Protein backbone atom coordinates (compact mmCIF):
# COMPACT_ATOMS: atom_id res chain seq x y z
CA MET A 1 112.27 119.47 116.85
CA SER A 2 115.52 119.57 118.78
CA THR A 3 117.84 121.67 120.76
CA SER A 4 121.19 123.91 127.26
CA PRO A 5 123.34 126.98 128.60
CA HIS A 6 125.84 125.45 126.13
CA ARG A 7 124.77 127.34 123.05
CA ARG A 8 126.90 130.39 122.33
CA THR A 9 125.30 133.78 122.89
CA VAL A 10 125.17 135.85 119.72
CA PRO A 11 124.64 139.57 119.11
CA ALA A 12 121.14 140.98 118.74
CA ALA A 13 119.49 140.07 115.47
CA THR A 14 119.23 142.38 112.50
CA CYS A 15 116.73 141.69 109.74
CA LEU A 16 117.75 140.00 106.53
CA LEU A 17 115.23 140.66 103.75
CA LEU A 18 114.96 138.12 100.97
CA THR A 19 113.47 139.12 97.66
CA LEU A 20 111.81 135.82 96.76
CA ALA A 21 108.81 134.07 98.32
CA LEU A 22 110.11 133.83 101.85
CA SER A 23 109.83 137.35 103.14
CA THR A 24 111.69 138.14 106.33
CA ALA A 25 114.34 136.45 108.40
CA CYS A 26 116.84 137.70 110.93
CA SER A 27 120.60 137.59 111.00
CA THR A 28 122.74 137.89 114.08
CA GLY A 29 124.97 140.52 112.54
CA GLN A 30 128.00 138.28 112.85
CA LYS A 31 130.56 138.37 110.10
CA SER A 32 129.44 136.40 107.05
CA SER A 33 131.12 133.11 106.20
CA SER A 34 130.89 131.77 102.70
CA SER A 35 133.10 128.79 103.35
CA GLY A 36 131.36 127.29 106.36
CA ALA A 37 134.71 126.93 108.10
CA GLY A 38 135.92 125.13 104.98
CA ALA A 39 137.54 125.64 101.61
CA PRO A 40 136.29 128.21 99.05
CA VAL A 41 133.55 126.93 96.76
CA ALA A 42 133.38 127.98 93.11
CA PRO A 43 130.02 129.17 91.67
CA VAL A 44 128.08 126.58 89.65
CA SER A 45 127.34 127.50 86.04
CA GLY A 46 124.88 124.73 85.19
CA LYS A 47 122.07 123.02 87.09
CA ILE A 48 122.58 123.03 90.84
CA SER A 49 122.14 119.91 92.96
CA MET A 50 121.70 119.96 96.73
CA THR A 51 121.30 117.35 99.44
CA TYR A 52 119.28 118.09 102.61
CA LEU A 53 120.19 115.70 105.43
CA GLN A 54 117.70 115.88 108.32
CA LYS A 55 117.60 114.24 111.71
CA GLN A 56 114.15 112.96 112.78
CA GLY A 57 112.82 113.41 109.26
CA ASP A 58 109.43 111.93 110.16
CA GLN A 59 108.78 114.53 112.88
CA GLU A 60 106.10 117.05 111.93
CA TYR A 61 108.44 120.04 112.06
CA PHE A 62 111.03 118.41 109.82
CA VAL A 63 108.38 117.14 107.43
CA GLY A 64 107.36 120.78 107.00
CA GLU A 65 110.98 121.83 106.63
CA ALA A 66 111.48 119.31 103.84
CA ALA A 67 108.31 120.50 102.12
CA GLY A 68 109.47 124.11 102.25
CA ALA A 69 112.88 123.13 100.91
CA LYS A 70 111.39 121.14 98.04
CA ALA A 71 109.00 123.94 97.09
CA ARG A 72 111.80 126.52 96.97
CA ALA A 73 114.09 124.12 95.07
CA ALA A 74 111.36 123.63 92.46
CA GLU A 75 111.00 127.40 92.06
CA LEU A 76 114.74 127.79 91.56
CA GLY A 77 115.21 124.76 89.31
CA VAL A 78 117.41 123.02 91.86
CA ASP A 79 117.79 119.24 91.98
CA LEU A 80 117.16 118.53 95.67
CA LYS A 81 117.46 115.22 97.51
CA VAL A 82 116.15 114.97 101.09
CA VAL A 83 117.53 112.24 103.38
CA ASN A 84 116.11 111.21 106.76
CA LEU A 85 118.97 110.52 109.19
CA GLY A 86 116.70 109.54 112.07
CA ASN A 87 118.81 109.85 115.23
CA ASP A 88 121.83 108.07 113.78
CA ALA A 89 124.97 110.20 114.04
CA ASN A 90 127.02 107.63 112.10
CA LYS A 91 124.53 107.79 109.24
CA THR A 92 125.18 111.52 109.03
CA VAL A 93 128.80 110.99 108.04
CA SER A 94 128.06 108.14 105.64
CA GLU A 95 125.27 110.08 103.91
CA VAL A 96 127.49 113.14 103.57
CA ARG A 97 130.10 111.01 101.85
CA SER A 98 127.44 109.40 99.67
CA ALA A 99 126.08 112.78 98.58
CA ILE A 100 129.59 113.96 97.74
CA ALA A 101 130.22 110.80 95.73
CA GLN A 102 127.00 111.57 93.80
CA LYS A 103 128.44 115.00 92.89
CA THR A 104 126.12 117.16 94.96
CA ASN A 105 127.04 120.85 94.77
CA GLY A 106 125.91 121.71 98.27
CA LEU A 107 124.92 120.16 101.58
CA ILE A 108 122.37 121.32 104.16
CA VAL A 109 122.61 119.29 107.35
CA VAL A 110 120.52 118.97 110.52
CA VAL A 111 122.76 116.80 112.68
CA PRO A 112 121.44 114.24 115.19
CA ASP A 113 124.58 114.88 117.23
CA PRO A 114 126.87 117.93 116.93
CA ALA A 115 129.86 115.73 117.75
CA VAL A 116 130.02 114.70 114.08
CA GLY A 117 130.57 118.33 113.06
CA PRO A 118 134.32 118.13 112.43
CA GLN A 119 133.92 115.03 110.23
CA VAL A 120 131.14 116.62 108.20
CA VAL A 121 133.10 119.83 107.73
CA GLN A 122 136.26 117.99 106.73
CA ALA A 123 134.43 115.89 104.15
CA ALA A 124 132.81 118.97 102.60
CA ARG A 125 136.09 120.87 102.69
CA ASP A 126 138.04 118.09 100.97
CA ALA A 127 135.42 117.85 98.22
CA LYS A 128 135.02 121.65 97.90
CA VAL A 129 131.28 121.27 98.48
CA ALA A 130 129.32 124.15 100.01
CA LEU A 131 128.04 123.41 103.53
CA LEU A 132 125.17 124.96 105.48
CA THR A 133 123.38 123.77 108.61
CA SER A 134 119.79 124.31 109.60
CA ASP A 135 118.27 124.28 113.09
CA ASP A 136 121.27 122.98 115.06
CA GLN A 137 124.82 124.27 115.16
CA ILE A 138 128.04 122.44 114.33
CA CYS A 139 131.66 123.41 114.75
CA ALA A 140 134.54 122.63 112.40
CA THR A 141 137.11 122.08 115.14
CA GLY A 142 135.33 120.29 117.97
CA PRO A 143 132.27 118.30 119.03
CA ASP A 144 130.70 121.04 121.18
CA PRO A 145 129.52 124.26 119.48
CA ALA A 146 129.56 125.98 122.89
CA GLY A 147 133.35 126.03 122.83
CA CYS A 148 133.71 126.96 119.17
CA ALA A 149 135.47 130.06 117.91
CA PRO A 150 133.17 132.21 115.72
CA GLY A 151 135.21 131.57 112.60
CA ASP A 152 134.89 127.82 113.06
CA MET A 153 131.09 127.76 113.21
CA VAL A 154 129.27 126.52 110.11
CA PRO A 155 126.65 129.01 108.83
CA ARG A 156 123.19 128.17 110.16
CA ILE A 157 119.57 128.79 109.18
CA GLY A 158 116.92 128.36 111.85
CA PHE A 159 115.48 130.16 114.80
CA SER A 160 116.99 132.17 117.64
CA GLY A 161 117.05 129.94 120.71
CA GLU A 162 117.22 132.94 123.01
CA GLN A 163 114.27 134.65 121.37
CA MET A 164 112.15 131.50 121.28
CA GLY A 165 112.85 130.62 124.90
CA SER A 166 112.12 134.16 126.02
CA GLU A 167 108.74 134.13 124.28
CA VAL A 168 107.85 130.79 125.90
CA GLY A 169 108.92 131.93 129.37
CA LYS A 170 107.08 135.23 129.01
CA ARG A 171 103.83 133.49 128.07
CA ALA A 172 104.25 131.00 130.91
CA ALA A 173 104.66 133.91 133.32
CA GLU A 174 101.53 135.58 131.98
CA GLU A 175 99.53 132.39 132.44
CA PHE A 176 100.96 131.94 135.92
CA GLY A 177 100.04 135.52 136.84
CA ARG A 178 96.45 134.94 135.76
CA SER A 179 96.25 131.68 137.72
CA LYS A 180 96.82 133.30 141.14
CA TRP A 181 98.59 130.13 142.27
CA ASN A 182 100.70 130.14 145.42
CA PRO A 183 104.36 129.99 144.27
CA ALA A 184 105.25 127.75 147.22
CA GLU A 185 102.77 125.16 145.98
CA THR A 186 103.94 125.40 142.37
CA ARG A 187 106.88 123.92 140.47
CA SER A 188 108.13 124.63 136.96
CA ILE A 189 109.73 121.97 134.78
CA SER A 190 112.36 122.56 132.11
CA ALA A 191 112.54 119.46 129.91
CA TRP A 192 115.11 118.92 127.18
CA LYS A 193 117.84 116.74 125.73
CA GLN A 194 120.75 118.25 127.55
CA ASP A 195 123.51 117.53 125.04
CA VAL A 196 121.77 119.51 122.29
CA THR A 197 123.12 123.04 122.46
CA VAL A 198 120.19 124.89 120.93
CA CYS A 199 117.85 123.19 123.43
CA THR A 200 119.79 124.55 126.39
CA SER A 201 119.63 128.03 124.91
CA ARG A 202 115.86 127.81 124.71
CA VAL A 203 115.19 126.53 128.22
CA LYS A 204 117.75 128.85 129.81
CA SER A 205 116.03 131.84 128.20
CA ALA A 206 112.59 130.50 129.17
CA LYS A 207 113.65 130.26 132.82
CA ALA A 208 114.97 133.82 132.83
CA ALA A 209 111.87 135.23 131.13
CA PHE A 210 109.56 133.36 133.51
CA LEU A 211 111.34 134.76 136.54
CA ASN A 212 111.46 138.27 135.10
CA GLY A 213 107.78 138.05 134.18
CA GLY A 214 106.57 137.28 137.69
CA GLY A 215 107.54 133.68 138.34
CA THR A 216 109.77 134.54 141.30
CA GLY A 217 109.36 132.04 144.11
CA VAL A 218 108.52 129.09 141.86
CA GLN A 219 111.14 126.38 142.17
CA ASN A 220 112.35 125.00 138.84
CA ILE A 221 113.20 121.35 138.19
CA ASP A 222 115.44 120.45 135.24
CA VAL A 223 114.46 117.17 133.58
CA ALA A 224 116.76 115.41 131.12
CA THR A 225 114.82 113.79 128.26
CA ASP A 226 115.40 112.41 124.78
CA ASN A 227 113.19 115.15 123.24
CA THR A 228 110.37 112.69 122.50
CA PRO A 229 106.83 112.74 123.98
CA THR A 230 107.15 109.28 125.56
CA GLY A 231 110.65 109.96 126.88
CA ALA A 232 109.53 113.25 128.44
CA GLN A 233 106.36 111.66 129.80
CA ASP A 234 108.31 108.92 131.59
CA ARG A 235 110.86 111.29 133.11
CA ILE A 236 108.33 113.92 134.16
CA ALA A 237 106.02 111.29 135.65
CA ALA A 238 108.88 110.27 137.94
CA VAL A 239 109.40 113.89 138.98
CA VAL A 240 105.70 114.34 139.74
CA THR A 241 105.69 111.17 141.86
CA ALA A 242 108.71 112.45 143.78
CA ASN A 243 106.92 115.73 144.59
CA PRO A 244 103.52 114.67 146.00
CA ASN A 245 102.87 117.97 147.79
CA VAL A 246 103.02 120.14 144.65
CA LYS A 247 99.54 121.33 143.61
CA HIS A 248 100.32 123.20 140.38
CA TRP A 249 102.82 122.67 137.55
CA VAL A 250 104.29 124.87 134.81
CA VAL A 251 105.99 123.04 131.94
CA TRP A 252 108.22 124.23 129.11
CA GLY A 253 110.96 122.54 127.13
CA CYS A 254 113.00 122.36 123.98
CA ASN A 255 110.06 121.44 121.79
CA ASP A 256 106.39 120.48 121.69
CA GLU A 257 107.33 116.86 122.38
CA ASN A 258 108.73 117.66 125.82
CA VAL A 259 105.75 119.77 126.84
CA GLN A 260 103.22 117.30 125.44
CA GLY A 261 104.92 114.52 127.38
CA GLY A 262 104.79 116.62 130.54
CA VAL A 263 101.13 117.55 130.12
CA THR A 264 100.24 113.90 129.52
CA ALA A 265 102.21 112.77 132.58
CA LEU A 266 100.37 115.29 134.74
CA GLU A 267 96.98 114.30 133.34
CA ASN A 268 97.77 110.65 134.11
CA ALA A 269 98.75 111.65 137.65
CA GLY A 270 95.31 113.16 138.17
CA PHE A 271 96.02 116.86 137.66
CA LYS A 272 93.14 118.77 136.07
CA ALA A 273 93.86 121.13 133.18
CA ASP A 274 93.37 124.20 135.36
CA HIS A 275 96.29 123.09 137.56
CA VAL A 276 98.73 122.77 134.65
CA ILE A 277 100.37 125.43 132.47
CA GLY A 278 102.15 123.99 129.47
CA VAL A 279 103.71 126.27 126.85
CA GLY A 280 104.93 124.34 123.85
CA LEU A 281 107.51 125.16 121.23
CA GLY A 282 106.48 124.21 117.73
CA ALA A 283 102.66 124.07 118.06
CA TYR A 284 102.41 120.98 115.82
CA LEU A 285 101.50 118.77 118.83
CA ALA A 286 99.90 121.48 120.96
CA CYS A 287 97.24 122.04 118.32
CA LYS A 288 96.02 118.45 118.68
CA ASN A 289 95.04 119.21 122.27
CA TRP A 290 93.11 122.29 121.20
CA GLY A 291 91.46 120.58 118.26
CA SER A 292 89.98 117.91 120.54
CA GLY A 293 87.74 120.45 122.25
CA LYS A 294 88.63 119.01 125.66
CA PRO A 295 90.25 121.03 128.49
CA SER A 296 94.03 120.84 128.26
CA GLY A 297 96.96 122.00 130.31
CA MET A 298 98.63 123.01 127.05
CA ARG A 299 97.85 126.71 127.29
CA ALA A 300 99.88 128.04 124.35
CA ALA A 301 102.77 127.25 122.03
CA LEU A 302 105.29 129.17 119.99
CA PHE A 303 104.65 128.35 116.34
CA ILE A 304 107.84 127.71 114.41
CA ASN A 305 107.25 127.03 110.76
CA GLY A 306 109.67 124.45 109.41
CA LYS A 307 108.64 125.36 105.86
CA ASP A 308 110.18 128.81 106.30
CA VAL A 309 113.48 127.36 107.49
CA GLY A 310 113.68 124.81 104.67
CA ALA A 311 112.94 127.43 102.04
CA LEU A 312 115.41 129.91 103.52
CA ALA A 313 118.13 127.26 103.72
CA VAL A 314 117.74 126.30 100.06
CA GLN A 315 117.63 129.96 99.01
CA THR A 316 120.75 130.80 101.01
CA LEU A 317 122.74 127.89 99.60
CA TYR A 318 121.47 128.59 96.07
CA ASP A 319 122.66 132.21 96.28
CA ARG A 320 126.06 130.99 97.41
CA LEU A 321 126.38 128.42 94.62
CA LYS A 322 124.88 130.52 91.83
CA SER A 323 126.43 133.90 92.43
CA GLY A 324 129.01 133.42 95.14
CA LYS A 325 126.97 135.46 97.65
CA GLU A 326 128.32 135.25 101.19
CA MET A 327 126.24 133.15 103.58
CA PRO A 328 125.36 134.84 106.88
CA ALA A 329 126.74 133.29 110.04
CA GLU A 330 123.13 132.85 111.15
CA ALA A 331 119.75 133.76 109.69
CA PHE A 332 116.48 133.41 111.56
CA ALA A 333 112.91 132.76 110.46
CA PRO A 334 109.96 134.43 112.28
CA THR A 335 107.88 132.88 115.10
CA THR A 336 104.33 133.44 116.43
CA MET A 337 102.72 132.60 119.79
CA VAL A 338 99.42 130.74 119.31
CA ASP A 339 96.76 129.17 121.52
CA ALA A 340 93.41 127.41 121.25
CA ALA A 341 91.71 130.58 120.01
CA THR A 342 94.28 131.56 117.37
CA PHE A 343 96.05 128.49 116.00
CA ARG A 344 93.60 127.74 113.19
CA ASN A 345 94.32 131.05 111.47
CA SER A 346 98.08 131.03 112.06
CA GLY A 347 99.19 128.47 109.47
CA VAL A 348 99.83 125.70 112.01
CA THR A 349 99.76 122.25 110.38
CA CYS A 350 97.97 119.86 112.71
CA ASN A 351 97.62 116.29 111.50
């Protein structure tokens, strides 16, 4: 899953209760926006069609998101098409135009690159098609959501980057406190794709929570990655080689991929599991370490259920198209911290 201090800070979340199968989510309390920074959209009287455009559609989190979206669409009688964009920003724009040409009533988009936001918004606006994003933010007026005015942000369904990062940093601090490591001999790594705004929000909050939780004195190293396990592994391996005197490592990042890559790099460098603290974000890769029964530096992970986000996105867009209900500026699905002892009973999908 994707997402640097570039994400906008939003007000504290208030709970948004849905009456159908997905129980509780959270909204930032920002003013609602039915138009998604676009033109008004008329309610649909007949059968509703939607198109869900996802980056990295073969990633475990997004596979779950698509499954949740399809299940909710089936319950509501919605004709849903899911498209895997991979990491191709250009494909985003072409698939948006294709969906519009096929008379879709609404679009849900997870963009590979927020820079395409203005083009996506303009296409939806011109066609009077409802637009919603999930996971990552986009802005109607510019490529960087960090500089976007509130009224120009497209409504988003996902998770709170600040909340997620804080939970990761807090758990990392707890693990560090139990380790009794010397801070001078320890380094923490923040690994993420630095042009993805929601990623920066997560790692920035993780850093703050780690320091506030007792990580004072541990030097942090920011590592730019492509948000993949192999990309993170290569970059973190270089950092480890450049710091031969460090005895202990703490790793967090934008997603499970970054932390898994870091844990693997440290294992390959000869670090035993009890000298590594990795706290993932997603749990879909972390659980593979725990399921092996072998010692692992992956100590815990924040479980984010893509199924909840997909279902909530479809429900939110359906309510807009069916009854004209305003879409919240942001709505958040719940998260749970899991580890080797708890993941099996938490709903984590581990393939």
